[in-house]
């Protein structure tokens, strides 16, 4: 009798564990399906392939930045400077290119170097001087904001080249090039996180920094690399938005710092570090983009949309904490 009871208990625990695994890994995609069904019922044209591709193109810049944000969150960090870095990259590249063909490569190399520098400074100050990531990246955000507004005087000037415009507005078959770039970034980071020692080090640092250090992981180096990756994704997204908008604007990345953090949190990553997946990251971006798109389609005011997004973040965090 005891054996039967023990087996029943074990089976129940295993079933509960499997159910919890399914919920944690697939509930976000279920939410996406529900949102699409609701959209199809209310506005059938919303779920046409062409419109869905436009939604994906809208999601791509946020998705690219959210991948970088995930990297720093996994090592118990945060980067509030990504939005201003996007604007800085867009303005610097746009002013250098100024609509001319043949200046793309030098401009791209320039903003890549700038992104590496920003990420390196963030990482070094956080790891070596023990400055809190929130404070350091907030300070970097203010520095970049002051620099770019002083540099551009708040005016919209400079323009992308035709090639950069094509990168932002063009298609490969039915798929926007922006989305293809997002997919490539996702694949590269997913391979790095799940198929290389570096990925194991990232999760180890986020899970327990001291334990990772004692096991031989160079915690400071891993953390700094994550901040550099995050900065590079912001630069890439800034270049894409430059091509999409068609003019340099210091406000290009406004809101993306909080949007990327929201996507990471909704995607199931823990701000304490060591927990989060690319799968959840993509789902978080799509949920926020779909909700924003639907609210816009139904003429909901921007302020009301902000309230909805905030409520979603609170609900997501509460759900993850309950199921942890």
C-alpha atoms as a PDB file:
ATOM      1  CA  UNK A   1       0.000   0.000   0.000  1.00  0.00           C
ATOM      2  CA  UNK A   2       2.820   2.346   0.900  1.00  0.00           C
ATOM      3  CA  UNK A   3       4.538   1.523  -2.390  1.00  0.00           C
ATOM      4  CA  UNK A   4       1.376   2.440  -4.339  1.00  0.00           C
ATOM      5  CA  UNK A   5       0.997   5.670  -2.393  1.00  0.00           C
ATOM      6  CA  UNK A   6       4.643   6.543  -2.983  1.00  0.00           C
ATOM      7  CA  UNK A   7       4.333   5.890  -6.716  1.00  0.00           C
ATOM      8  CA  UNK A   8       1.157   7.957  -6.883  1.00  0.00           C
ATOM      9  CA  UNK A   9       2.889  10.813  -5.091  1.00  0.00           C
ATOM     10  CA  UNK A  10       5.874  10.616  -7.420  1.00  0.00           C
ATOM     11  CA  UNK A  11       3.631  10.561 -10.495  1.00  0.00           C
ATOM     12  CA  UNK A  12       1.695  13.567  -9.214  1.00  0.00           C
ATOM     13  CA  UNK A  13       4.885  15.522  -8.542  1.00  0.00           C
ATOM     14  CA  UNK A  14       6.274  14.657 -11.976  1.00  0.00           C
ATOM     15  CA  UNK A  15       3.014  15.681 -13.656  1.00  0.00           C
ATOM     16  CA  UNK A  16       2.984  18.951 -11.762  1.00  0.00           C
ATOM     17  CA  UNK A  17       6.601  19.569 -12.752  1.00  0.00           C
ATOM     18  CA  UNK A  18       5.855  18.883 -16.416  1.00  0.00           C
ATOM     19  CA  UNK A  19       2.819  21.157 -16.319  1.00  0.00           C
ATOM     20  CA  UNK A  20       4.864  23.935 -14.712  1.00  0.00           C
ATOM     21  CA  UNK A  21       7.576  23.515 -17.370  1.00  0.00           C
ATOM     22  CA  UNK A  22       5.000  23.766 -20.162  1.00  0.00           C
ATOM     23  CA  UNK A  23       3.389  26.838 -18.614  1.00  0.00           C
ATOM     24  CA  UNK A  24       6.684  28.624 -18.093  1.00  0.00           C
ATOM     25  CA  UNK A  25       7.967  27.900 -21.596  1.00  0.00           C
ATOM     26  CA  UNK A  26       4.846  28.091 -23.751  1.00  0.00           C
ATOM     27  CA  UNK A  27       2.289  30.262 -21.967  1.00  0.00           C
ATOM     28  CA  UNK A  28       3.668  33.369 -23.687  1.00  0.00           C
ATOM     29  CA  UNK A  29       3.116  31.850 -27.113  1.00  0.00           C
ATOM     30  CA  UNK A  30      -0.401  30.900 -26.028  1.00  0.00           C
ATOM     31  CA  UNK A  31      -0.967  34.572 -25.133  1.00  0.00           C
ATOM     32  CA  UNK A  32       0.264  35.586 -28.601  1.00  0.00           C
ATOM     33  CA  UNK A  33      -2.195  33.153 -30.233  1.00  0.00           C
ATOM     34  CA  UNK A  34      -5.038  34.526 -28.096  1.00  0.00           C
ATOM     35  CA  UNK A  35      -4.139  38.102 -29.070  1.00  0.00           C
ATOM     36  CA  UNK A  36      -4.162  37.158 -32.752  1.00  0.00           C
ATOM     37  CA  UNK A  37      -7.529  35.399 -32.391  1.00  0.00           C
ATOM     38  CA  UNK A  38      -9.021  38.460 -30.667  1.00  0.00           C
ATOM     39  CA  UNK A  39      -7.592  40.699 -33.393  1.00  0.00           C
ATOM     40  CA  UNK A  40      -9.015  38.419 -36.108  1.00  0.00           C
ATOM     41  CA  UNK A  41     -12.472  38.537 -34.518  1.00  0.00           C
ATOM     42  CA  UNK A  42     -12.511  42.315 -34.127  1.00  0.00           C
ATOM     43  CA  UNK A  43     -10.576  43.265 -37.268  1.00  0.00           C
ATOM     44  CA  UNK A  44     -10.198  40.342 -39.721  1.00  0.00           C
ATOM     45  CA  UNK A  45      -7.800  42.285 -41.931  1.00  0.00           C
ATOM     46  CA  UNK A  46      -5.347  42.561 -39.031  1.00  0.00           C
ATOM     47  CA  UNK A  47      -4.181  38.946 -39.387  1.00  0.00           C
ATOM     48  CA  UNK A  48      -3.495  39.100 -43.115  1.00  0.00           C
ATOM     49  CA  UNK A  49       0.080  38.001 -43.909  1.00  0.00           C
ATOM     50  CA  UNK A  50       1.046  41.451 -45.211  1.00  0.00           C
ATOM     51  CA  UNK A  51      -0.130  43.195 -42.041  1.00  0.00           C
ATOM     52  CA  UNK A  52       1.560  40.605 -39.799  1.00  0.00           C
ATOM     53  CA  UNK A  53       4.822  41.250 -41.634  1.00  0.00           C
ATOM     54  CA  UNK A  54       4.408  44.945 -40.890  1.00  0.00           C
ATOM     55  CA  UNK A  55       3.921  44.085 -37.205  1.00  0.00           C
ATOM     56  CA  UNK A  56       7.115  42.008 -37.285  1.00  0.00           C
ATOM     57  CA  UNK A  57       8.975  44.892 -38.925  1.00  0.00           C
ATOM     58  CA  UNK A  58       7.701  47.173 -36.187  1.00  0.00           C
ATOM     59  CA  UNK A  59       8.927  44.669 -33.580  1.00  0.00           C
ATOM     60  CA  UNK A  60      12.391  44.150 -35.084  1.00  0.00           C
ATOM     61  CA  UNK A  61      14.277  47.168 -33.622  1.00  0.00           C
ATOM     62  CA  UNK A  62      12.865  46.490 -30.143  1.00  0.00           C
ATOM     63  CA  UNK A  63      13.634  42.793 -30.581  1.00  0.00           C
ATOM     64  CA  UNK A  64      17.258  43.506 -31.455  1.00  0.00           C
ATOM     65  CA  UNK A  65      17.738  45.796 -28.448  1.00  0.00           C
ATOM     66  CA  UNK A  66      15.896  43.350 -26.164  1.00  0.00           C
ATOM     67  CA  UNK A  67      18.382  40.606 -27.069  1.00  0.00           C
ATOM     68  CA  UNK A  68      21.219  42.839 -25.854  1.00  0.00           C
ATOM     69  CA  UNK A  69      19.257  43.830 -22.764  1.00  0.00           C
ATOM     70  CA  UNK A  70      18.737  40.140 -21.985  1.00  0.00           C
ATOM     71  CA  UNK A  71      22.497  39.614 -21.972  1.00  0.00           C
ATOM     72  CA  UNK A  72      23.088  42.213 -19.244  1.00  0.00           C
ATOM     73  CA  UNK A  73      20.037  41.104 -17.254  1.00  0.00           C
ATOM     74  CA  UNK A  74      21.386  37.536 -17.240  1.00  0.00           C
ATOM     75  CA  UNK A  75      24.511  38.788 -15.420  1.00  0.00           C
ATOM     76  CA  UNK A  76      22.371  40.690 -12.877  1.00  0.00           C
ATOM     77  CA  UNK A  77      22.714  43.969 -14.749  1.00  0.00           C
ATOM     78  CA  UNK A  78      20.611  46.575 -16.491  1.00  0.00           C
ATOM     79  CA  UNK A  79      21.282  49.080 -19.267  1.00  0.00           C
ATOM     80  CA  UNK A  80      19.287  52.316 -19.311  1.00  0.00           C
ATOM     81  CA  UNK A  81      21.579  53.922 -21.887  1.00  0.00           C
ATOM     82  CA  UNK A  82      20.448  51.878 -24.908  1.00  0.00           C
ATOM     83  CA  UNK A  83      17.779  54.353 -26.024  1.00  0.00           C
ATOM     84  CA  UNK A  84      20.123  57.340 -26.062  1.00  0.00           C
ATOM     85  CA  UNK A  85      22.830  55.230 -27.694  1.00  0.00           C
ATOM     86  CA  UNK A  86      20.378  54.419 -30.493  1.00  0.00           C
ATOM     87  CA  UNK A  87      19.733  58.135 -30.994  1.00  0.00           C
ATOM     88  CA  UNK A  88      23.437  58.937 -30.861  1.00  0.00           C
ATOM     89  CA  UNK A  89      24.257  56.274 -33.447  1.00  0.00           C
ATOM     90  CA  UNK A  90      21.479  57.515 -35.726  1.00  0.00           C
ATOM     91  CA  UNK A  91      22.600  61.155 -35.531  1.00  0.00           C
ATOM     92  CA  UNK A  92      26.339  60.483 -35.893  1.00  0.00           C
ATOM     93  CA  UNK A  93      25.846  58.078 -38.809  1.00  0.00           C
ATOM     94  CA  UNK A  94      23.239  60.277 -40.495  1.00  0.00           C
ATOM     95  CA  UNK A  95      25.361  63.408 -40.318  1.00  0.00           C
ATOM     96  CA  UNK A  96      28.408  61.558 -41.627  1.00  0.00           C
ATOM     97  CA  UNK A  97      26.553  59.875 -44.507  1.00  0.00           C
ATOM     98  CA  UNK A  98      24.307  62.863 -45.280  1.00  0.00           C
ATOM     99  CA  UNK A  99      22.444  60.946 -47.971  1.00  0.00           C
ATOM    100  CA  UNK A 100      25.541  60.105 -50.011  1.00  0.00           C
ATOM    101  CA  UNK A 101      26.367  56.670 -51.386  1.00  0.00           C
ATOM    102  CA  UNK A 102      29.734  55.179 -50.437  1.00  0.00           C
ATOM    103  CA  UNK A 103      29.901  56.524 -46.897  1.00  0.00           C
ATOM    104  CA  UNK A 104      28.022  53.663 -45.275  1.00  0.00           C
ATOM    105  CA  UNK A 105      30.981  51.524 -44.265  1.00  0.00           C
ATOM    106  CA  UNK A 106      33.014  54.266 -42.530  1.00  0.00           C
ATOM    107  CA  UNK A 107      29.865  55.484 -40.728  1.00  0.00           C
ATOM    108  CA  UNK A 108      28.958  51.972 -39.598  1.00  0.00           C
ATOM    109  CA  UNK A 109      32.503  51.310 -38.362  1.00  0.00           C
ATOM    110  CA  UNK A 110      32.450  54.649 -36.523  1.00  0.00           C
ATOM    111  CA  UNK A 111      29.235  53.925 -34.620  1.00  0.00           C
ATOM    112  CA  UNK A 112      30.323  50.334 -33.944  1.00  0.00           C
ATOM    113  CA  UNK A 113      33.493  51.680 -32.330  1.00  0.00           C
ATOM    114  CA  UNK A 114      31.338  54.120 -30.374  1.00  0.00           C
ATOM    115  CA  UNK A 115      29.080  51.291 -29.219  1.00  0.00           C
ATOM    116  CA  UNK A 116      32.028  49.176 -28.122  1.00  0.00           C
ATOM    117  CA  UNK A 117      33.410  52.155 -26.199  1.00  0.00           C
ATOM    118  CA  UNK A 118      30.118  52.840 -24.408  1.00  0.00           C
ATOM    119  CA  UNK A 119      29.623  49.175 -23.525  1.00  0.00           C
ATOM    120  CA  UNK A 120      33.223  48.866 -22.358  1.00  0.00           C
ATOM    121  CA  UNK A 121      32.977  51.924 -20.095  1.00  0.00           C
ATOM    122  CA  UNK A 122      29.675  50.699 -18.644  1.00  0.00           C
ATOM    123  CA  UNK A 123      31.114  47.257 -17.970  1.00  0.00           C
ATOM    124  CA  UNK A 124      34.443  48.417 -16.546  1.00  0.00           C
ATOM    125  CA  UNK A 125      32.953  50.985 -14.166  1.00  0.00           C
ATOM    126  CA  UNK A 126      30.305  48.509 -12.975  1.00  0.00           C
ATOM    127  CA  UNK A 127      32.775  45.671 -12.424  1.00  0.00           C
ATOM    128  CA  UNK A 128      35.913  47.480 -11.278  1.00  0.00           C
ATOM    129  CA  UNK A 129      34.453  50.407  -9.359  1.00  0.00           C
ATOM    130  CA  UNK A 130      31.411  48.461  -8.113  1.00  0.00           C
ATOM    131  CA  UNK A 131      28.956  51.131  -9.279  1.00  0.00           C
ATOM    132  CA  UNK A 132      25.379  49.841  -9.438  1.00  0.00           C
ATOM    133  CA  UNK A 133      24.286  49.113 -13.037  1.00  0.00           C
ATOM    134  CA  UNK A 134      21.205  51.311 -12.631  1.00  0.00           C
ATOM    135  CA  UNK A 135      23.298  54.315 -11.579  1.00  0.00           C
ATOM    136  CA  UNK A 136      26.086  53.790 -14.111  1.00  0.00           C
ATOM    137  CA  UNK A 137      23.848  53.286 -17.135  1.00  0.00           C
ATOM    138  CA  UNK A 138      21.569  56.129 -16.045  1.00  0.00           C
ATOM    139  CA  UNK A 139      24.629  58.399 -15.907  1.00  0.00           C
ATOM    140  CA  UNK A 140      25.724  57.147 -19.350  1.00  0.00           C
ATOM    141  CA  UNK A 141      22.237  57.859 -20.665  1.00  0.00           C
ATOM    142  CA  UNK A 142      22.451  61.455 -19.402  1.00  0.00           C
ATOM    143  CA  UNK A 143      25.955  61.894 -20.868  1.00  0.00           C
ATOM    144  CA  UNK A 144      24.862  60.624 -24.285  1.00  0.00           C
ATOM    145  CA  UNK A 145      21.725  62.735 -24.164  1.00  0.00           C
ATOM    146  CA  UNK A 146      23.714  65.886 -23.390  1.00  0.00           C
ATOM    147  CA  UNK A 147      26.294  65.089 -26.067  1.00  0.00           C
ATOM    148  CA  UNK A 148      23.861  64.364 -28.866  1.00  0.00           C
ATOM    149  CA  UNK A 149      21.599  67.341 -28.164  1.00  0.00           C
ATOM    150  CA  UNK A 150      24.612  69.623 -28.018  1.00  0.00           C
ATOM    151  CA  UNK A 151      25.939  68.033 -31.213  1.00  0.00           C
ATOM    152  CA  UNK A 152      22.690  68.284 -33.198  1.00  0.00           C
ATOM    153  CA  UNK A 153      21.124  71.286 -31.397  1.00  0.00           C
ATOM    154  CA  UNK A 154      17.906  69.282 -31.400  1.00  0.00           C
ATOM    155  CA  UNK A 155      17.487  69.710 -35.157  1.00  0.00           C
ATOM    156  CA  UNK A 156      16.739  66.912 -37.607  1.00  0.00           C
ATOM    157  CA  UNK A 157      19.708  66.917 -39.952  1.00  0.00           C
ATOM    158  CA  UNK A 158      21.642  64.420 -42.015  1.00  0.00           C
ATOM    159  CA  UNK A 159      20.142  61.473 -43.859  1.00  0.00           C
ATOM    160  CA  UNK A 160      20.839  57.809 -44.578  1.00  0.00           C
ATOM    161  CA  UNK A 161      22.135  56.568 -47.894  1.00  0.00           C
ATOM    162  CA  UNK A 162      19.840  54.728 -50.343  1.00  0.00           C
ATOM    163  CA  UNK A 163      21.497  51.475 -49.233  1.00  0.00           C
ATOM    164  CA  UNK A 164      20.642  52.082 -45.588  1.00  0.00           C
ATOM    165  CA  UNK A 165      17.087  53.002 -46.581  1.00  0.00           C
ATOM    166  CA  UNK A 166      16.814  49.719 -48.433  1.00  0.00           C
ATOM    167  CA  UNK A 167      18.110  47.883 -45.374  1.00  0.00           C
ATOM    168  CA  UNK A 168      15.303  49.355 -43.281  1.00  0.00           C
ATOM    169  CA  UNK A 169      12.479  49.296 -45.814  1.00  0.00           C
ATOM    170  CA  UNK A 170      13.382  46.459 -48.170  1.00  0.00           C
ATOM    171  CA  UNK A 171      12.258  42.835 -48.281  1.00  0.00           C
ATOM    172  CA  UNK A 172      13.857  39.475 -48.900  1.00  0.00           C
ATOM    173  CA  UNK A 173      10.952  37.717 -50.545  1.00  0.00           C
ATOM    174  CA  UNK A 174       7.943  38.436 -48.298  1.00  0.00           C
ATOM    175  CA  UNK A 175      10.085  39.045 -45.193  1.00  0.00           C
ATOM    176  CA  UNK A 176      11.312  42.545 -44.247  1.00  0.00           C
ATOM    177  CA  UNK A 177      15.100  42.818 -44.106  1.00  0.00           C
ATOM    178  CA  UNK A 178      14.783  44.235 -40.569  1.00  0.00           C
ATOM    179  CA  UNK A 179      13.174  40.973 -39.469  1.00  0.00           C
ATOM    180  CA  UNK A 180      15.917  38.934 -41.151  1.00  0.00           C
ATOM    181  CA  UNK A 181      18.526  40.957 -39.224  1.00  0.00           C
ATOM    182  CA  UNK A 182      16.611  40.330 -35.990  1.00  0.00           C
ATOM    183  CA  UNK A 183      16.533  36.596 -36.727  1.00  0.00           C
ATOM    184  CA  UNK A 184      20.291  36.559 -37.387  1.00  0.00           C
ATOM    185  CA  UNK A 185      20.994  38.396 -34.109  1.00  0.00           C
ATOM    186  CA  UNK A 186      18.741  35.963 -32.228  1.00  0.00           C
ATOM    187  CA  UNK A 187      20.455  32.918 -33.742  1.00  0.00           C
ATOM    188  CA  UNK A 188      23.959  34.225 -33.004  1.00  0.00           C
ATOM    189  CA  UNK A 189      23.144  35.053 -29.373  1.00  0.00           C
ATOM    190  CA  UNK A 190      21.184  31.808 -28.868  1.00  0.00           C
ATOM    191  CA  UNK A 191      24.159  29.770 -30.102  1.00  0.00           C
ATOM    192  CA  UNK A 192      26.494  31.772 -27.862  1.00  0.00           C
ATOM    193  CA  UNK A 193      24.266  31.244 -24.814  1.00  0.00           C
ATOM    194  CA  UNK A 194      23.416  27.588 -25.274  1.00  0.00           C
ATOM    195  CA  UNK A 195      26.245  26.058 -27.305  1.00  0.00           C
ATOM    196  CA  UNK A 196      29.411  27.709 -25.993  1.00  0.00           C
ATOM    197  CA  UNK A 197      31.291  27.962 -22.684  1.00  0.00           C
ATOM    198  CA  UNK A 198      30.642  31.711 -22.719  1.00  0.00           C
ATOM    199  CA  UNK A 199      26.906  31.077 -22.383  1.00  0.00           C
ATOM    200  CA  UNK A 200      27.471  28.821 -19.383  1.00  0.00           C
ATOM    201  CA  UNK A 201      29.649  31.515 -17.825  1.00  0.00           C
ATOM    202  CA  UNK A 202      26.912  34.123 -18.358  1.00  0.00           C
ATOM    203  CA  UNK A 203      24.315  32.042 -16.525  1.00  0.00           C
ATOM    204  CA  UNK A 204      26.832  31.150 -13.829  1.00  0.00           C
ATOM    205  CA  UNK A 205      27.706  34.807 -13.203  1.00  0.00           C
ATOM    206  CA  UNK A 206      24.032  35.746 -12.989  1.00  0.00           C
ATOM    207  CA  UNK A 207      23.190  32.823 -10.752  1.00  0.00           C
ATOM    208  CA  UNK A 208      25.971  33.329  -8.211  1.00  0.00           C
ATOM    209  CA  UNK A 209      28.855  35.699  -8.934  1.00  0.00           C
ATOM    210  CA  UNK A 210      31.057  34.495  -6.100  1.00  0.00           C
ATOM    211  CA  UNK A 211      30.557  30.827  -6.920  1.00  0.00           C
ATOM    212  CA  UNK A 212      31.342  31.564 -10.577  1.00  0.00           C
ATOM    213  CA  UNK A 213      34.504  33.425  -9.544  1.00  0.00           C
ATOM    214  CA  UNK A 214      35.638  30.550  -7.313  1.00  0.00           C
ATOM    215  CA  UNK A 215      35.078  28.085 -10.156  1.00  0.00           C
ATOM    216  CA  UNK A 216      37.482  30.014 -12.379  1.00  0.00           C
ATOM    217  CA  UNK A 217      35.134  32.228 -14.390  1.00  0.00           C
ATOM    218  CA  UNK A 218      36.447  35.714 -15.148  1.00  0.00           C
ATOM    219  CA  UNK A 219      33.327  37.440 -13.852  1.00  0.00           C
ATOM    220  CA  UNK A 220      34.417  40.977 -14.723  1.00  0.00           C
ATOM    221  CA  UNK A 221      35.320  40.055 -18.306  1.00  0.00           C
ATOM    222  CA  UNK A 222      32.058  38.163 -18.915  1.00  0.00           C
ATOM    223  CA  UNK A 223      30.019  41.056 -17.512  1.00  0.00           C
ATOM    224  CA  UNK A 224      31.877  43.635 -19.614  1.00  0.00           C
ATOM    225  CA  UNK A 225      31.398  41.585 -22.788  1.00  0.00           C
ATOM    226  CA  UNK A 226      27.654  41.427 -22.084  1.00  0.00           C
ATOM    227  CA  UNK A 227      27.517  45.224 -21.817  1.00  0.00           C
ATOM    228  CA  UNK A 228      29.444  45.557 -25.079  1.00  0.00           C
ATOM    229  CA  UNK A 229      27.005  43.177 -26.808  1.00  0.00           C
ATOM    230  CA  UNK A 230      24.087  45.194 -25.443  1.00  0.00           C
ATOM    231  CA  UNK A 231      25.587  48.441 -26.753  1.00  0.00           C
ATOM    232  CA  UNK A 232      26.211  46.916 -30.184  1.00  0.00           C
ATOM    233  CA  UNK A 233      22.586  45.787 -30.482  1.00  0.00           C
ATOM    234  CA  UNK A 234      21.514  49.346 -29.619  1.00  0.00           C
ATOM    235  CA  UNK A 235      23.795  50.751 -32.349  1.00  0.00           C
ATOM    236  CA  UNK A 236      22.403  48.265 -34.876  1.00  0.00           C
ATOM    237  CA  UNK A 237      18.821  49.157 -33.978  1.00  0.00           C
ATOM    238  CA  UNK A 238      19.690  52.860 -34.206  1.00  0.00           C
ATOM    239  CA  UNK A 239      21.041  52.410 -37.740  1.00  0.00           C
ATOM    240  CA  UNK A 240      17.907  50.519 -38.772  1.00  0.00           C
ATOM    241  CA  UNK A 241      15.666  53.257 -37.400  1.00  0.00           C
ATOM    242  CA  UNK A 242      17.791  55.896 -39.166  1.00  0.00           C
ATOM    243  CA  UNK A 243      17.110  54.128 -42.448  1.00  0.00           C
ATOM    244  CA  UNK A 244      13.429  53.708 -41.625  1.00  0.00           C
ATOM    245  CA  UNK A 245      12.786  57.303 -40.532  1.00  0.00           C
ATOM    246  CA  UNK A 246      14.972  58.790 -43.266  1.00  0.00           C
ATOM    247  CA  UNK A 247      16.496  61.585 -41.187  1.00  0.00           C
ATOM    248  CA  UNK A 248      18.802  61.876 -38.173  1.00  0.00           C
ATOM    249  CA  UNK A 249      16.860  62.552 -34.993  1.00  0.00           C
ATOM    250  CA  UNK A 250      18.215  62.606 -31.431  1.00  0.00           C
ATOM    251  CA  UNK A 251      14.851  61.230 -30.259  1.00  0.00           C
ATOM    252  CA  UNK A 252      15.185  58.074 -32.355  1.00  0.00           C
ATOM    253  CA  UNK A 253      15.621  55.691 -29.416  1.00  0.00           C
ATOM    254  CA  UNK A 254      13.334  57.383 -26.895  1.00  0.00           C
ATOM    255  CA  UNK A 255      11.479  54.773 -24.838  1.00  0.00           C
ATOM    256  CA  UNK A 256      13.501  51.801 -26.047  1.00  0.00           C
ATOM    257  CA  UNK A 257      15.432  51.530 -22.771  1.00  0.00           C
ATOM    258  CA  UNK A 258      12.232  50.846 -20.823  1.00  0.00           C
ATOM    259  CA  UNK A 259      10.647  48.951 -23.698  1.00  0.00           C
ATOM    260  CA  UNK A 260      13.562  46.523 -23.907  1.00  0.00           C
ATOM    261  CA  UNK A 261      13.550  45.962 -20.142  1.00  0.00           C
ATOM    262  CA  UNK A 262       9.791  45.380 -20.253  1.00  0.00           C
ATOM    263  CA  UNK A 263      10.203  42.838 -23.070  1.00  0.00           C
ATOM    264  CA  UNK A 264      12.883  40.995 -21.093  1.00  0.00           C
ATOM    265  CA  UNK A 265      10.724  40.895 -17.965  1.00  0.00           C
ATOM    266  CA  UNK A 266       7.561  39.834 -19.806  1.00  0.00           C
ATOM    267  CA  UNK A 267       9.693  37.184 -21.514  1.00  0.00           C
ATOM    268  CA  UNK A 268      10.392  35.556 -18.148  1.00  0.00           C
ATOM    269  CA  UNK A 269      13.904  36.772 -17.333  1.00  0.00           C
ATOM    270  CA  UNK A 270      14.701  37.558 -13.722  1.00  0.00           C
ATOM    271  CA  UNK A 271      16.198  40.969 -12.975  1.00  0.00           C
ATOM    272  CA  UNK A 272      18.160  39.195 -10.235  1.00  0.00           C
ATOM    273  CA  UNK A 273      20.114  37.445 -13.015  1.00  0.00           C
ATOM    274  CA  UNK A 274      20.778  33.894 -14.133  1.00  0.00           C
ATOM    275  CA  UNK A 275      17.294  33.250 -15.532  1.00  0.00           C
ATOM    276  CA  UNK A 276      15.967  33.992 -18.992  1.00  0.00           C
ATOM    277  CA  UNK A 277      15.786  32.536 -22.491  1.00  0.00           C
ATOM    278  CA  UNK A 278      15.890  33.764 -26.063  1.00  0.00           C
ATOM    279  CA  UNK A 279      12.563  32.008 -26.672  1.00  0.00           C
ATOM    280  CA  UNK A 280      10.889  34.025 -23.917  1.00  0.00           C
ATOM    281  CA  UNK A 281      12.662  37.181 -25.086  1.00  0.00           C
ATOM    282  CA  UNK A 282      11.159  36.907 -28.564  1.00  0.00           C
ATOM    283  CA  UNK A 283       7.715  36.184 -27.135  1.00  0.00           C
ATOM    284  CA  UNK A 284       7.940  39.176 -24.796  1.00  0.00           C
ATOM    285  CA  UNK A 285       8.790  41.497 -27.690  1.00  0.00           C
ATOM    286  CA  UNK A 286       5.938  40.149 -29.814  1.00  0.00           C
ATOM    287  CA  UNK A 287       3.391  40.458 -26.982  1.00  0.00           C
ATOM    288  CA  UNK A 288       4.293  44.085 -26.295  1.00  0.00           C
ATOM    289  CA  UNK A 289       4.331  44.921 -30.009  1.00  0.00           C
ATOM    290  CA  UNK A 290       1.008  43.198 -30.689  1.00  0.00           C
ATOM    291  CA  UNK A 291      -0.682  44.913 -27.762  1.00  0.00           C
ATOM    292  CA  UNK A 292       0.714  48.292 -28.797  1.00  0.00           C
ATOM    293  CA  UNK A 293      -0.369  47.722 -32.386  1.00  0.00           C
ATOM    294  CA  UNK A 294      -3.874  46.627 -31.376  1.00  0.00           C
ATOM    295  CA  UNK A 295      -4.325  49.572 -29.029  1.00  0.00           C
ATOM    296  CA  UNK A 296      -3.204  51.903 -31.798  1.00  0.00           C
ATOM    297  CA  UNK A 297      -5.584  50.255 -34.264  1.00  0.00           C
ATOM    298  CA  UNK A 298      -8.443  50.823 -31.826  1.00  0.00           C
ATOM    299  CA  UNK A 299      -7.414  54.500 -31.374  1.00  0.00           C
ATOM    300  CA  UNK A 300      -6.497  54.094 -27.706  1.00  0.00           C
ATOM    301  CA  UNK A 301      -4.564  57.132 -26.474  1.00  0.00           C
ATOM    302  CA  UNK A 302      -0.826  56.843 -25.863  1.00  0.00           C
ATOM    303  CA  UNK A 303      -1.310  57.530 -22.161  1.00  0.00           C
ATOM    304  CA  UNK A 304      -3.889  54.750 -21.790  1.00  0.00           C
ATOM    305  CA  UNK A 305      -1.581  52.421 -23.715  1.00  0.00           C
ATOM    306  CA  UNK A 306       1.180  53.153 -21.183  1.00  0.00           C
ATOM    307  CA  UNK A 307      -1.181  52.137 -18.365  1.00  0.00           C
ATOM    308  CA  UNK A 308      -1.935  48.858 -20.150  1.00  0.00           C
ATOM    309  CA  UNK A 309       1.762  48.122 -20.685  1.00  0.00           C
ATOM    310  CA  UNK A 310       2.517  48.812 -17.021  1.00  0.00           C
ATOM    311  CA  UNK A 311      -0.281  46.489 -15.935  1.00  0.00           C
ATOM    312  CA  UNK A 312       1.082  43.763 -18.221  1.00  0.00           C
ATOM    313  CA  UNK A 313       4.555  44.045 -16.695  1.00  0.00           C
ATOM    314  CA  UNK A 314       3.145  43.825 -13.157  1.00  0.00           C
ATOM    315  CA  UNK A 315       1.016  40.818 -14.093  1.00  0.00           C
ATOM    316  CA  UNK A 316       3.956  39.060 -15.759  1.00  0.00           C
ATOM    317  CA  UNK A 317       6.280  39.576 -12.798  1.00  0.00           C
ATOM    318  CA  UNK A 318       3.582  38.441 -10.346  1.00  0.00           C
ATOM    319  CA  UNK A 319       2.916  35.318 -12.417  1.00  0.00           C
ATOM    320  CA  UNK A 320       6.589  34.378 -12.646  1.00  0.00           C
ATOM    321  CA  UNK A 321       7.130  34.952  -8.921  1.00  0.00           C
ATOM    322  CA  UNK A 322       4.145  32.744  -8.114  1.00  0.00           C
ATOM    323  CA  UNK A 323       5.391  29.921 -10.322  1.00  0.00           C
ATOM    324  CA  UNK A 324       9.077  30.103  -9.356  1.00  0.00           C
END
